[in-house]
Amino acid sequence: MTQDEFDAAVNRLIAEANLQSGDAKAAYEADCLDARNGAISRRALRSSILKNALDELRAGYDALLEKIQKELDESLAALYAEEGVTGTPGEDVEDAPYEVDYTLTMRDRYVIVKNYYLAYDDMADALSDLQEDEIAQDYLGSYYDYLLQLLLLMQA
């Protein structure tokens, strides 16, 4: 992967997170407005019911922002992960074009498979091959989706 492709992938991840957080903020503000308008129509604008409802909306909004930030952090950490991480061989799968070692941490497994697919010259081919790679799905578990999303972003 060239530096320009790498930078573009980072920028796409950040832009996507910003879009998600902007949508979350707009939804939160609309929900707060609806709660206030409902309180006005019920003549309960200064009641603790409205305060509790707004506190609950804020807690949900904060949790969603935290989730978006965590996903962005994980995606960026995966993207910035060191190239060429290896480990000791464990339970190898002979059909895999990359090292399959179940004794490695999930992060190390992810880095090995990510490096293999990012070495492709054409990201569309890499994405197609990854989608057909059943070994990677089993080997990476939930990290498989992160790699799939990364390749989808890089293809665009």
C-alpha atoms as a PDB file:
ATOM      1  CA  MET A   1       0.000   0.000   0.000  1.00  0.00           C
ATOM      2  CA  THR A   2       1.389   3.392  -0.928  1.00  0.00           C
ATOM      3  CA  GLN A   3       1.474   6.303   1.497  1.00  0.00           C
ATOM      4  CA  ASP A   4      -1.261   8.092  -0.481  1.00  0.00           C
ATOM      5  CA  GLU A   5      -3.541   5.040  -0.286  1.00  0.00           C
ATOM      6  CA  PHE A   6      -2.804   4.740   3.406  1.00  0.00           C
ATOM      7  CA  ASP A   7      -3.607   8.413   4.011  1.00  0.00           C
ATOM      8  CA  ALA A   8      -6.789   8.121   1.962  1.00  0.00           C
ATOM      9  CA  ALA A   9      -7.895   5.116   4.040  1.00  0.00           C
ATOM     10  CA  VAL A  10      -7.236   7.005   7.286  1.00  0.00           C
ATOM     11  CA  ASN A  11      -9.136  10.039   5.991  1.00  0.00           C
ATOM     12  CA  ARG A  12     -12.086   7.862   4.936  1.00  0.00           C
ATOM     13  CA  LEU A  13     -12.230   6.222   8.371  1.00  0.00           C
ATOM     14  CA  ILE A  14     -12.202   9.603  10.085  1.00  0.00           C
ATOM     15  CA  ALA A  15     -14.752  11.096   7.679  1.00  0.00           C
ATOM     16  CA  GLU A  16     -17.083   8.141   8.225  1.00  0.00           C
ATOM     17  CA  ALA A  17     -16.803   8.506  12.008  1.00  0.00           C
ATOM     18  CA  ASN A  18     -17.452  12.247  11.737  1.00  0.00           C
ATOM     19  CA  LEU A  19     -20.530  11.596   9.604  1.00  0.00           C
ATOM     20  CA  GLN A  20     -21.835   9.035  12.095  1.00  0.00           C
ATOM     21  CA  SER A  21     -21.275  11.369  15.046  1.00  0.00           C
ATOM     22  CA  GLY A  22     -22.920  14.255  13.164  1.00  0.00           C
ATOM     23  CA  ASP A  23     -25.965  12.086  12.467  1.00  0.00           C
ATOM     24  CA  ALA A  24     -26.049  11.023  16.111  1.00  0.00           C
ATOM     25  CA  LYS A  25     -25.911  14.654  17.257  1.00  0.00           C
ATOM     26  CA  ALA A  26     -28.719  15.668  14.907  1.00  0.00           C
ATOM     27  CA  ALA A  27     -30.881  12.781  16.134  1.00  0.00           C
ATOM     28  CA  TYR A  28     -30.097  13.654  19.777  1.00  0.00           C
ATOM     29  CA  GLU A  29     -31.004  17.312  19.260  1.00  0.00           C
ATOM     30  CA  ALA A  30     -34.246  16.366  17.475  1.00  0.00           C
ATOM     31  CA  ASP A  31     -35.171  13.974  20.291  1.00  0.00           C
ATOM     32  CA  CYS A  32     -34.458  16.673  22.899  1.00  0.00           C
ATOM     33  CA  LEU A  33     -36.626  19.151  20.986  1.00  0.00           C
ATOM     34  CA  ASP A  34     -39.433  16.601  20.794  1.00  0.00           C
ATOM     35  CA  ALA A  35     -39.159  15.965  24.542  1.00  0.00           C
ATOM     36  CA  ARG A  36     -39.285  19.707  25.298  1.00  0.00           C
ATOM     37  CA  ASN A  37     -42.231  20.254  22.953  1.00  0.00           C
ATOM     38  CA  GLY A  38     -44.044  17.342  24.566  1.00  0.00           C
ATOM     39  CA  ALA A  39     -43.382  18.804  27.998  1.00  0.00           C
ATOM     40  CA  ILE A  40     -44.690  22.198  26.862  1.00  0.00           C
ATOM     41  CA  SER A  41     -47.876  20.646  25.499  1.00  0.00           C
ATOM     42  CA  ARG A  42     -48.372  18.798  28.811  1.00  0.00           C
ATOM     43  CA  ARG A  43     -47.466  21.943  30.776  1.00  0.00           C
ATOM     44  CA  ALA A  44     -44.600  20.094  32.407  1.00  0.00           C
ATOM     45  CA  LEU A  45     -41.652  22.097  31.104  1.00  0.00           C
ATOM     46  CA  ARG A  46     -40.151  22.596  34.554  1.00  0.00           C
ATOM     47  CA  SER A  47     -40.852  19.102  35.831  1.00  0.00           C
ATOM     48  CA  SER A  48     -38.372  16.436  36.822  1.00  0.00           C
ATOM     49  CA  ILE A  49     -39.940  14.183  34.176  1.00  0.00           C
ATOM     50  CA  LEU A  50     -38.461  16.347  31.415  1.00  0.00           C
ATOM     51  CA  LYS A  51     -35.107  16.492  33.186  1.00  0.00           C
ATOM     52  CA  ASN A  52     -35.051  12.695  33.519  1.00  0.00           C
ATOM     53  CA  ALA A  53     -36.009  12.259  29.863  1.00  0.00           C
ATOM     54  CA  LEU A  54     -33.258  14.665  28.750  1.00  0.00           C
ATOM     55  CA  ASP A  55     -30.728  12.928  31.012  1.00  0.00           C
ATOM     56  CA  GLU A  56     -31.686   9.579  29.478  1.00  0.00           C
ATOM     57  CA  LEU A  57     -31.336  10.977  25.949  1.00  0.00           C
ATOM     58  CA  ARG A  58     -27.927  12.409  26.842  1.00  0.00           C
ATOM     59  CA  ALA A  59     -26.752   9.093  28.269  1.00  0.00           C
ATOM     60  CA  GLY A  60     -27.802   7.302  25.073  1.00  0.00           C
ATOM     61  CA  TYR A  61     -26.082   9.933  22.933  1.00  0.00           C
ATOM     62  CA  ASP A  62     -22.878   9.724  24.981  1.00  0.00           C
ATOM     63  CA  ALA A  63     -22.891   5.911  24.724  1.00  0.00           C
ATOM     64  CA  LEU A  64     -23.323   6.108  20.946  1.00  0.00           C
ATOM     65  CA  LEU A  65     -20.467   8.606  20.628  1.00  0.00           C
ATOM     66  CA  GLU A  66     -18.265   6.372  22.752  1.00  0.00           C
ATOM     67  CA  LYS A  67     -19.100   3.400  20.506  1.00  0.00           C
ATOM     68  CA  ILE A  68     -18.281   5.401  17.352  1.00  0.00           C
ATOM     69  CA  GLN A  69     -14.994   6.564  18.877  1.00  0.00           C
ATOM     70  CA  LYS A  70     -14.071   3.040  19.983  1.00  0.00           C
ATOM     71  CA  GLU A  71     -14.740   1.654  16.501  1.00  0.00           C
ATOM     72  CA  LEU A  72     -12.666   4.439  14.951  1.00  0.00           C
ATOM     73  CA  ASP A  73      -9.828   3.831  17.404  1.00  0.00           C
ATOM     74  CA  GLU A  74      -9.845   0.099  16.661  1.00  0.00           C
ATOM     75  CA  SER A  75      -9.919   0.686  12.908  1.00  0.00           C
ATOM     76  CA  LEU A  76      -7.089   3.216  13.070  1.00  0.00           C
ATOM     77  CA  ALA A  77      -5.042   1.007  15.385  1.00  0.00           C
ATOM     78  CA  ALA A  78      -5.457  -1.860  12.938  1.00  0.00           C
ATOM     79  CA  LEU A  79      -4.464   0.359  10.042  1.00  0.00           C
ATOM     80  CA  TYR A  80      -1.410   1.691  11.860  1.00  0.00           C
ATOM     81  CA  ALA A  81      -0.427  -1.757  13.164  1.00  0.00           C
ATOM     82  CA  GLU A  82       3.142  -2.763  12.531  1.00  0.00           C
ATOM     83  CA  GLU A  83       3.827  -4.491   9.250  1.00  0.00           C
ATOM     84  CA  GLY A  84       5.221  -8.012   9.263  1.00  0.00           C
ATOM     85  CA  VAL A  85       4.237  -9.184  12.736  1.00  0.00           C
ATOM     86  CA  THR A  86       4.930 -12.892  13.040  1.00  0.00           C
ATOM     87  CA  GLY A  87       4.601 -15.473  15.737  1.00  0.00           C
ATOM     88  CA  THR A  88       5.524 -19.046  16.421  1.00  0.00           C
ATOM     89  CA  PRO A  89       3.669 -21.583  14.316  1.00  0.00           C
ATOM     90  CA  GLY A  90       0.820 -23.333  16.022  1.00  0.00           C
ATOM     91  CA  GLU A  91      -2.132 -25.026  14.386  1.00  0.00           C
ATOM     92  CA  ASP A  92      -1.467 -24.288  10.714  1.00  0.00           C
ATOM     93  CA  VAL A  93      -4.077 -24.533   8.011  1.00  0.00           C
ATOM     94  CA  GLU A  94      -2.381 -25.692   4.820  1.00  0.00           C
ATOM     95  CA  ASP A  95      -4.837 -24.054   2.400  1.00  0.00           C
ATOM     96  CA  ALA A  96      -4.292 -20.543   3.717  1.00  0.00           C
ATOM     97  CA  PRO A  97      -1.954 -18.269   1.727  1.00  0.00           C
ATOM     98  CA  TYR A  98      -0.797 -16.648   4.987  1.00  0.00           C
ATOM     99  CA  GLU A  99       0.410 -17.977   8.326  1.00  0.00           C
ATOM    100  CA  VAL A 100      -2.403 -19.422  10.427  1.00  0.00           C
ATOM    101  CA  ASP A 101      -1.319 -19.723  14.044  1.00  0.00           C
ATOM    102  CA  TYR A 102      -4.070 -20.012  16.624  1.00  0.00           C
ATOM    103  CA  THR A 103      -1.626 -19.347  19.458  1.00  0.00           C
ATOM    104  CA  LEU A 104      -1.300 -15.703  18.340  1.00  0.00           C
ATOM    105  CA  THR A 105      -3.441 -12.944  19.785  1.00  0.00           C
ATOM    106  CA  MET A 106      -6.386 -11.820  17.689  1.00  0.00           C
ATOM    107  CA  ARG A 107      -4.616  -8.540  16.961  1.00  0.00           C
ATOM    108  CA  ASP A 108      -1.527 -10.346  15.639  1.00  0.00           C
ATOM    109  CA  ARG A 109      -3.707 -12.629  13.533  1.00  0.00           C
ATOM    110  CA  TYR A 110      -5.475  -9.577  12.139  1.00  0.00           C
ATOM    111  CA  VAL A 111      -2.184  -7.882  11.254  1.00  0.00           C
ATOM    112  CA  ILE A 112      -0.915 -10.960   9.395  1.00  0.00           C
ATOM    113  CA  VAL A 113      -4.077 -11.359   7.327  1.00  0.00           C
ATOM    114  CA  LYS A 114      -4.361  -7.587   6.790  1.00  0.00           C
ATOM    115  CA  ASN A 115      -0.795  -7.397   5.511  1.00  0.00           C
ATOM    116  CA  TYR A 116      -1.466 -10.242   3.108  1.00  0.00           C
ATOM    117  CA  TYR A 117      -4.526  -8.575   1.569  1.00  0.00           C
ATOM    118  CA  LEU A 118      -3.035  -5.066   1.547  1.00  0.00           C
ATOM    119  CA  ALA A 119      -0.117  -6.409  -0.495  1.00  0.00           C
ATOM    120  CA  TYR A 120      -2.497  -6.829  -3.452  1.00  0.00           C
ATOM    121  CA  ASP A 121      -2.026  -4.269  -6.205  1.00  0.00           C
ATOM    122  CA  ASP A 122      -5.777  -4.160  -6.884  1.00  0.00           C
ATOM    123  CA  MET A 123      -7.936  -3.663  -3.783  1.00  0.00           C
ATOM    124  CA  ALA A 124     -11.006  -4.951  -5.657  1.00  0.00           C
ATOM    125  CA  ASP A 125      -9.238  -8.304  -6.118  1.00  0.00           C
ATOM    126  CA  ALA A 126      -8.188  -8.274  -2.458  1.00  0.00           C
ATOM    127  CA  LEU A 127     -11.779  -7.620  -1.377  1.00  0.00           C
ATOM    128  CA  SER A 128     -13.108 -10.373  -3.626  1.00  0.00           C
ATOM    129  CA  ASP A 129     -10.553 -12.881  -2.344  1.00  0.00           C
ATOM    130  CA  LEU A 130     -11.221 -11.939   1.283  1.00  0.00           C
ATOM    131  CA  GLN A 131     -14.950 -12.422   0.847  1.00  0.00           C
ATOM    132  CA  GLU A 132     -14.281 -15.950  -0.428  1.00  0.00           C
ATOM    133  CA  ASP A 133     -11.732 -16.722   2.308  1.00  0.00           C
ATOM    134  CA  GLU A 134     -13.550 -18.928   4.817  1.00  0.00           C
ATOM    135  CA  ILE A 135     -10.322 -19.549   6.715  1.00  0.00           C
ATOM    136  CA  ALA A 136      -9.980 -15.820   7.439  1.00  0.00           C
ATOM    137  CA  GLN A 137     -13.563 -15.641   8.703  1.00  0.00           C
ATOM    138  CA  ASP A 138     -12.891 -18.421  11.193  1.00  0.00           C
ATOM    139  CA  TYR A 139      -9.351 -17.320  12.043  1.00  0.00           C
ATOM    140  CA  LEU A 140     -10.165 -13.646  12.657  1.00  0.00           C
ATOM    141  CA  GLY A 141     -13.586 -13.911  14.254  1.00  0.00           C
ATOM    142  CA  SER A 142     -15.019 -10.420  14.779  1.00  0.00           C
ATOM    143  CA  TYR A 143     -11.826  -8.856  13.398  1.00  0.00           C
ATOM    144  CA  TYR A 144     -12.805 -10.214   9.968  1.00  0.00           C
ATOM    145  CA  ASP A 145     -15.448  -7.456   9.711  1.00  0.00           C
ATOM    146  CA  TYR A 146     -12.832  -4.780  10.444  1.00  0.00           C
ATOM    147  CA  LEU A 147     -10.651  -6.052   7.610  1.00  0.00           C
ATOM    148  CA  LEU A 148     -13.633  -6.287   5.286  1.00  0.00           C
ATOM    149  CA  GLN A 149     -14.610  -2.683   6.087  1.00  0.00           C
ATOM    150  CA  LEU A 150     -11.037  -1.522   5.572  1.00  0.00           C
ATOM    151  CA  LEU A 151     -10.867  -3.094   2.119  1.00  0.00           C
ATOM    152  CA  LEU A 152     -14.282  -1.712   1.216  1.00  0.00           C
ATOM    153  CA  LEU A 153     -13.097   1.769   2.158  1.00  0.00           C
ATOM    154  CA  MET A 154      -9.864   1.401   0.240  1.00  0.00           C
ATOM    155  CA  GLN A 155     -11.656   0.193  -2.859  1.00  0.00           C
ATOM    156  CA  ALA A 156     -13.930   3.234  -3.000  1.00  0.00           C
END
